N, C-alpha and C. Protein backbone atom coordinates (compact mmCIF):
# COMPACT_ATOMS: atom_id res chain seq x y z
N MET A 1 -7.79 -2.93 13.52
CA MET A 1 -7.88 -3.61 12.16
C MET A 1 -9.52 -3.01 11.88
N ALA A 2 -9.27 -2.55 10.86
CA ALA A 2 -11.05 -2.55 9.74
C ALA A 2 -11.42 -3.85 9.55
N PHE A 3 -12.79 -3.58 9.80
CA PHE A 3 -13.76 -5.18 9.06
C PHE A 3 -13.40 -4.88 7.73
N VAL A 4 -13.08 -5.91 6.86
CA VAL A 4 -13.34 -5.68 5.61
C VAL A 4 -14.25 -6.95 5.34
N THR A 5 -15.27 -6.76 4.58
CA THR A 5 -15.63 -8.10 4.33
C THR A 5 -15.43 -8.42 2.46
N ARG A 6 -15.38 -9.84 1.99
CA ARG A 6 -14.81 -10.24 1.36
C ARG A 6 -15.12 -9.49 0.19
N SER A 7 -16.61 -9.23 -0.45
CA SER A 7 -17.02 -8.51 -1.57
C SER A 7 -15.95 -7.19 -1.37
N SER A 8 -16.14 -6.30 -0.55
CA SER A 8 -15.32 -5.18 -0.74
C SER A 8 -13.97 -5.57 -1.06
N ALA A 9 -13.36 -6.33 -0.61
CA ALA A 9 -12.12 -6.55 -0.81
C ALA A 9 -11.78 -6.84 -2.27
N SER A 10 -12.70 -7.48 -3.11
CA SER A 10 -12.75 -8.16 -4.37
C SER A 10 -13.03 -6.78 -5.30
N VAL A 11 -13.90 -5.98 -4.70
CA VAL A 11 -14.13 -4.11 -5.41
C VAL A 11 -12.44 -3.82 -5.42
N GLY A 12 -12.50 -3.66 -4.34
CA GLY A 12 -10.85 -3.44 -4.43
C GLY A 12 -9.69 -3.86 -5.42
N TRP A 13 -9.35 -4.95 -5.44
CA TRP A 13 -8.52 -5.54 -5.89
C TRP A 13 -9.32 -5.38 -7.61
N LYS A 14 -10.10 -5.68 -8.39
CA LYS A 14 -10.77 -5.33 -9.44
C LYS A 14 -10.65 -3.94 -9.81
N LEU A 15 -10.70 -2.59 -9.00
CA LEU A 15 -10.67 -1.57 -9.19
C LEU A 15 -9.06 -1.11 -9.34
N ALA A 16 -8.23 -2.06 -8.85
CA ALA A 16 -6.57 -1.66 -8.72
C ALA A 16 -5.98 -2.08 -10.23
N ALA A 17 -6.53 -3.35 -10.25
CA ALA A 17 -6.32 -4.19 -11.39
C ALA A 17 -6.81 -3.07 -13.20
N ALA A 18 -8.06 -2.56 -13.02
CA ALA A 18 -8.42 -1.88 -13.95
C ALA A 18 -7.67 -0.50 -13.87
N GLY A 19 -7.13 0.08 -13.08
CA GLY A 19 -6.29 0.84 -13.16
C GLY A 19 -5.12 0.72 -13.61
N MET A 20 -4.96 -0.24 -13.03
CA MET A 20 -3.12 -0.71 -13.87
C MET A 20 -3.33 -1.14 -15.20
N ALA A 21 -4.09 -1.23 -15.48
CA ALA A 21 -4.58 -1.99 -17.00
C ALA A 21 -4.72 -0.40 -17.93
N LEU A 22 -5.65 0.21 -17.35
CA LEU A 22 -5.78 1.84 -17.90
C LEU A 22 -4.39 2.38 -17.80
N GLY A 23 -3.80 2.50 -16.71
CA GLY A 23 -2.48 3.07 -16.89
C GLY A 23 -1.42 2.46 -18.00
N GLY A 24 -1.53 1.33 -17.79
CA GLY A 24 -0.79 0.69 -19.31
C GLY A 24 -1.24 1.13 -20.59
N LEU A 25 -2.52 0.98 -20.61
CA LEU A 25 -2.98 1.49 -22.22
C LEU A 25 -2.62 3.04 -22.50
N LEU A 26 -2.44 3.68 -21.35
CA LEU A 26 -2.01 4.89 -21.85
C LEU A 26 -0.91 5.36 -21.95
N ALA A 27 -0.12 4.58 -21.09
CA ALA A 27 1.62 4.82 -21.29
C ALA A 27 2.15 4.02 -22.94
N PHE A 28 1.21 3.49 -23.18
CA PHE A 28 1.33 3.08 -25.06
C PHE A 28 0.60 3.88 -25.77
N ALA A 29 -0.35 4.31 -25.63
CA ALA A 29 -0.91 4.89 -26.81
C ALA A 29 -0.53 6.43 -27.45
N PRO A 30 -0.45 6.22 -28.84
CA PRO A 30 0.28 7.52 -29.15
C PRO A 30 -0.77 8.77 -28.66
N ALA A 31 -0.44 9.77 -28.69
CA ALA A 31 -0.87 11.04 -27.99
C ALA A 31 -1.99 11.82 -29.40
N ALA A 32 -1.79 11.37 -30.78
CA ALA A 32 -2.74 11.47 -31.54
C ALA A 32 -3.98 10.54 -31.79
N GLN A 33 -3.82 9.56 -31.39
CA GLN A 33 -5.11 8.66 -31.17
C GLN A 33 -6.08 8.52 -29.83
N ALA A 34 -5.41 9.27 -28.75
CA ALA A 34 -5.86 9.66 -27.48
C ALA A 34 -6.88 10.74 -27.53
N LYS A 35 -6.93 11.76 -28.63
CA LYS A 35 -7.35 12.78 -28.30
C LYS A 35 -9.53 12.30 -28.22
N GLY A 36 -9.82 12.72 -26.99
CA GLY A 36 -10.98 12.78 -27.25
C GLY A 36 -11.64 11.25 -26.23
N CYS A 37 -10.30 10.46 -26.17
CA CYS A 37 -10.58 8.99 -25.73
C CYS A 37 -10.74 9.07 -24.34
N ILE A 38 -9.69 9.88 -23.40
CA ILE A 38 -9.62 9.62 -22.26
C ILE A 38 -10.87 10.41 -21.12
N LYS A 39 -11.16 11.32 -21.95
CA LYS A 39 -12.34 12.00 -21.15
C LYS A 39 -13.82 10.96 -21.60
N GLY A 40 -13.85 10.45 -22.91
CA GLY A 40 -14.68 9.69 -23.14
C GLY A 40 -14.99 8.61 -22.36
N ALA A 41 -13.41 7.63 -22.31
CA ALA A 41 -13.30 6.68 -20.98
C ALA A 41 -13.93 7.18 -19.87
N ALA A 42 -13.64 7.92 -19.13
CA ALA A 42 -13.70 8.20 -17.74
C ALA A 42 -15.35 8.41 -17.68
N VAL A 43 -16.23 9.24 -18.44
CA VAL A 43 -17.58 9.06 -18.68
C VAL A 43 -17.99 7.74 -18.78
N GLY A 44 -17.71 6.66 -19.99
CA GLY A 44 -18.33 6.17 -20.40
C GLY A 44 -18.14 4.86 -18.92
N GLY A 45 -17.02 4.98 -18.75
CA GLY A 45 -16.64 4.05 -17.56
C GLY A 45 -17.66 4.39 -16.38
N VAL A 46 -18.09 5.29 -15.90
CA VAL A 46 -19.09 5.56 -15.14
C VAL A 46 -19.68 5.18 -15.30
N ALA A 47 -20.29 5.58 -16.31
CA ALA A 47 -21.97 5.49 -16.83
C ALA A 47 -22.35 3.41 -17.06
N GLY A 48 -21.20 2.92 -17.58
CA GLY A 48 -21.61 1.49 -17.43
C GLY A 48 -20.85 1.07 -15.68
N HIS A 49 -20.58 1.36 -15.08
CA HIS A 49 -20.46 1.10 -13.61
C HIS A 49 -21.82 1.07 -13.12
N VAL A 50 -22.33 2.46 -13.33
CA VAL A 50 -23.73 2.76 -12.74
C VAL A 50 -25.04 1.88 -13.01
N ALA A 51 -24.98 1.70 -14.53
CA ALA A 51 -25.99 0.73 -15.12
C ALA A 51 -25.52 -0.81 -15.22
N GLY A 52 -25.16 -1.28 -14.53
CA GLY A 52 -24.66 -2.80 -14.11
C GLY A 52 -23.51 -3.40 -14.11
N LYS A 53 -22.58 -2.64 -13.44
CA LYS A 53 -21.18 -3.20 -13.26
C LYS A 53 -20.55 -3.31 -14.42
N HIS A 54 -20.85 -2.71 -15.71
CA HIS A 54 -19.93 -2.71 -16.64
C HIS A 54 -19.07 -1.42 -17.03
N GLY A 55 -18.21 -1.26 -16.04
CA GLY A 55 -16.98 -0.08 -16.08
C GLY A 55 -16.32 -0.60 -17.21
N VAL A 56 -15.38 -1.23 -17.70
CA VAL A 56 -14.77 -1.81 -18.40
C VAL A 56 -15.01 -1.59 -19.73
N LEU A 57 -16.08 -1.84 -19.97
CA LEU A 57 -17.20 -2.01 -21.85
C LEU A 57 -17.73 -0.74 -21.84
N GLY A 58 -18.07 -0.12 -20.52
CA GLY A 58 -18.37 1.61 -20.76
C GLY A 58 -16.95 2.41 -21.01
N ALA A 59 -15.87 2.01 -20.60
CA ALA A 59 -14.84 3.34 -20.82
C ALA A 59 -14.48 3.00 -22.38
N ALA A 60 -14.36 1.29 -22.63
CA ALA A 60 -14.12 1.25 -24.25
C ALA A 60 -14.81 1.64 -24.98
N ALA A 61 -16.04 1.92 -24.82
CA ALA A 61 -17.31 2.17 -25.82
C ALA A 61 -16.79 4.01 -25.64
N GLY A 62 -16.61 4.68 -24.21
CA GLY A 62 -16.76 5.92 -24.33
C GLY A 62 -15.30 6.42 -24.90
N CYS A 63 -14.34 5.71 -25.13
CA CYS A 63 -13.25 6.09 -25.96
C CYS A 63 -13.38 5.88 -27.34
N ALA A 64 -14.17 4.84 -27.68
CA ALA A 64 -14.10 5.15 -28.88
C ALA A 64 -15.07 6.28 -29.37
N ILE A 65 -16.12 6.61 -28.56
CA ILE A 65 -17.07 7.78 -28.90
C ILE A 65 -16.52 8.81 -28.76
N GLY A 66 -15.44 9.16 -27.90
CA GLY A 66 -14.48 10.51 -27.48
C GLY A 66 -13.83 10.78 -28.51
N HIS A 67 -13.45 9.71 -28.85
CA HIS A 67 -12.12 9.92 -30.20
C HIS A 67 -13.01 10.49 -31.47
N HIS A 68 -14.33 9.76 -31.77
CA HIS A 68 -15.00 10.02 -33.47
C HIS A 68 -15.37 11.14 -32.92
N GLU A 69 -16.19 12.13 -31.63
CA GLU A 69 -16.26 13.10 -31.85
C GLU A 69 -15.47 14.21 -31.94
N ALA A 70 -13.89 13.96 -31.15
CA ALA A 70 -12.97 14.64 -31.68
C ALA A 70 -12.36 15.03 -33.01
N ALA A 71 -12.75 13.45 -33.51
CA ALA A 71 -12.13 13.33 -34.96
C ALA A 71 -13.31 14.73 -35.98
N LYS A 72 -14.84 14.38 -35.58
CA LYS A 72 -15.66 15.33 -36.04
C LYS A 72 -15.69 16.73 -35.98
N LYS A 73 -14.83 16.91 -34.71
CA LYS A 73 -14.90 18.65 -34.11
C LYS A 73 -13.78 19.00 -34.89
N ASP A 74 -12.42 18.04 -35.37
CA ASP A 74 -11.12 18.85 -35.69
C ASP A 74 -11.63 18.83 -37.43
N LYS A 75 -12.19 18.16 -38.00
CA LYS A 75 -12.85 18.25 -39.56
C LYS A 75 -13.52 19.34 -39.59
N ALA A 76 -14.53 19.88 -38.62
CA ALA A 76 -15.28 20.69 -38.76
C ALA A 76 -14.69 22.03 -38.80
N GLN A 77 -13.75 21.94 -37.50
CA GLN A 77 -12.65 23.34 -37.87
C GLN A 77 -12.26 23.36 -39.21
N GLN A 78 -11.32 22.42 -39.60
CA GLN A 78 -10.88 22.43 -40.59
C GLN A 78 -11.61 22.94 -41.90
N GLN A 79 -12.33 22.46 -42.13
CA GLN A 79 -13.58 23.10 -43.05
C GLN A 79 -13.93 24.37 -42.92
N GLN A 80 -13.95 24.50 -41.65
CA GLN A 80 -14.54 26.40 -41.40
C GLN A 80 -13.13 27.36 -41.72
N ALA A 81 -12.00 26.74 -41.17
CA ALA A 81 -11.09 27.17 -41.45
C ALA A 81 -10.94 27.68 -43.09
N ALA A 82 -10.83 26.50 -43.88
CA ALA A 82 -10.38 26.44 -45.20
C ALA A 82 -11.70 27.29 -45.87
N SER A 83 -12.62 27.09 -45.47
CA SER A 83 -13.59 28.25 -46.48
C SER A 83 -13.51 29.93 -46.04
N ALA A 84 -12.82 30.27 -44.89
CA ALA A 84 -12.48 31.18 -44.38
C ALA A 84 -11.51 32.07 -44.96
N ALA A 85 -11.04 30.58 -45.40
CA ALA A 85 -9.34 31.39 -46.00
C ALA A 85 -9.94 31.64 -47.62
N ALA A 86 -10.76 30.85 -48.01
CA ALA A 86 -11.04 30.99 -49.62
C ALA A 86 -12.06 32.44 -49.50
N ALA A 87 -12.52 32.67 -48.64
CA ALA A 87 -13.47 34.02 -48.47
C ALA A 87 -12.53 35.20 -48.66
N THR A 88 -11.51 35.27 -48.18
CA THR A 88 -10.84 36.36 -47.70
C THR A 88 -9.96 36.47 -49.09
N PRO A 89 -9.73 37.77 -49.62
CA PRO A 89 -8.86 38.26 -50.64
C PRO A 89 -7.56 38.15 -50.25
N ALA A 90 -6.75 37.61 -51.45
CA ALA A 90 -5.39 37.35 -51.05
C ALA A 90 -4.74 38.77 -50.64
N ALA A 91 -3.89 39.08 -50.10
CA ALA A 91 -3.38 39.99 -50.35
C ALA A 91 -2.63 40.57 -51.05
N GLY A 92 -2.29 41.65 -51.74
CA GLY A 92 -1.85 42.21 -52.16
C GLY A 92 -2.32 42.35 -53.91
N SER A 93 -3.63 41.77 -53.43
CA SER A 93 -4.48 41.69 -54.79
C SER A 93 -4.95 42.68 -55.24
N ASP A 94 -5.53 42.96 -56.43
CA ASP A 94 -6.51 44.20 -56.87
C ASP A 94 -7.84 44.02 -56.71
N ALA A 95 -8.41 43.41 -55.98
CA ALA A 95 -9.72 43.20 -55.53
C ALA A 95 -10.24 44.50 -54.79
N GLY A 96 -9.34 45.04 -53.68
CA GLY A 96 -10.11 45.89 -53.13
C GLY A 96 -9.53 47.46 -53.99
N LYS A 97 -9.00 47.49 -54.94
CA LYS A 97 -8.61 48.98 -55.59
C LYS A 97 -9.81 49.41 -56.47
């Protein structure tokens, strides 16, 4: 039998509880709103844990930031596609003759 201290057992239970909570949130989260959130939550959770045992707070902030950055990226791609379509002459027009 392995020797387990009270503090390491407590950390294990907290980790298991956080994993189950994250799994529950992901199971009910719509796919459209989760874009960028999972990557940001993973990075933010690790950063929050390292910076003072605030993994859950870091994961929540990372999710929000990741979602915001993904939305900015999508908006920029849409604007770029719209400007490229506007710059290209329509097929069948007399512009090239």
